[in-house]
């Protein structure tokens, strides 16, 4: 069974004949691809095309046989006839008769398709591109066809049960009038198939990601401004939020507002990496970025063992001894060592203002 794209069409544009052709083509060999309702747009490079094309169009069926070539099949069902070389069709619902151009529609799709394929697969220049017309609702007198419809490329209702023979007949005709054209190697065939039925994903662009982050930043900044305004009226506050919501930036802004020569600020960080980052990017006068261990060294003295310095600092705070800071801002993760928690609480007891920023992992 041929590979049908799509496997189950949503509709056949109200044409029962088109549906019968679809079922007939499905019986073609496994290595053949049949694309139903192949839509196309004019590429804008008309100089590359063999003839003029409309701005857009559609081919009822595109058949790709790697061994023989590509064939566009235009299907015209219902009541249709040729009068003085001009094809006419009667609308089944309204009875209105209008001119129709099955061969021209097929050839328009053919030239657009050939141009598009060769643009991306130039090594397919020897591939046969051809077209045919199919009238599935009646019999065609092939002795009186117009000159642009050869008998071999014109199918009718009698070809429905023998679709493979009809397609082979058309391929043979076009191969005879276009010598040197035919199938391609399996490697080239795979590229042609990709050109006809591409596969791709819609990925997020870097620009889109940046724009969304900028938008989130604006929203976050507004939220932060409201929090900062709230903190200006508080002597003690704890700010909770998920990672990345800007708690540390809130603390930095609060420190900037509080810091004066007479009111130095301690910005207490949980780890040295954050302290180094803040010192590098947000250094401010009268603001000291320290870790708990750094604070212990500064208060107790540099010559003391670290464990002893930690113990001494906690005792210092527990005894309500003063710190050389008027304000304390603490940035801590949710998994908080007991000693750091105790220090934060004791610092709160001994200082005029404490803004605690708790980061949730």
Foldseek 3Di string as FASTA:
>chain_A
DDAEVVPDDPDLVPDPLLVLLVVLVVPDDHQKYKYAWQKDADPPPCVLFPDDADRIATFGIWMQRQFFAIETEFEDEDDWDADPNWIWHADPPPRDIDTDDRLVRRVNVQRRLVSQLCVQQVVLPQADGYYAYEYQHDDDPQVDHPPSHHPLRYYYVVCSNVVVVSVVSVSVVSCVVVPSHTHDDPVSSVSSVCSRPNDDDDDDDPVNVVVVVVVVVVVLVVVLVVVLVVVVPDQEEEAEDEPPSCLVVSVLVNQQVQADPVAAEEEEEADPVVLVVCCVPRNDPSYHYYYLQRQLCVVVHVVDDSVVSLVVLLVCLVVLHADPHQEYEYEEEPPDDPSVVSNLVSVSVNHRGYYYYYYYD
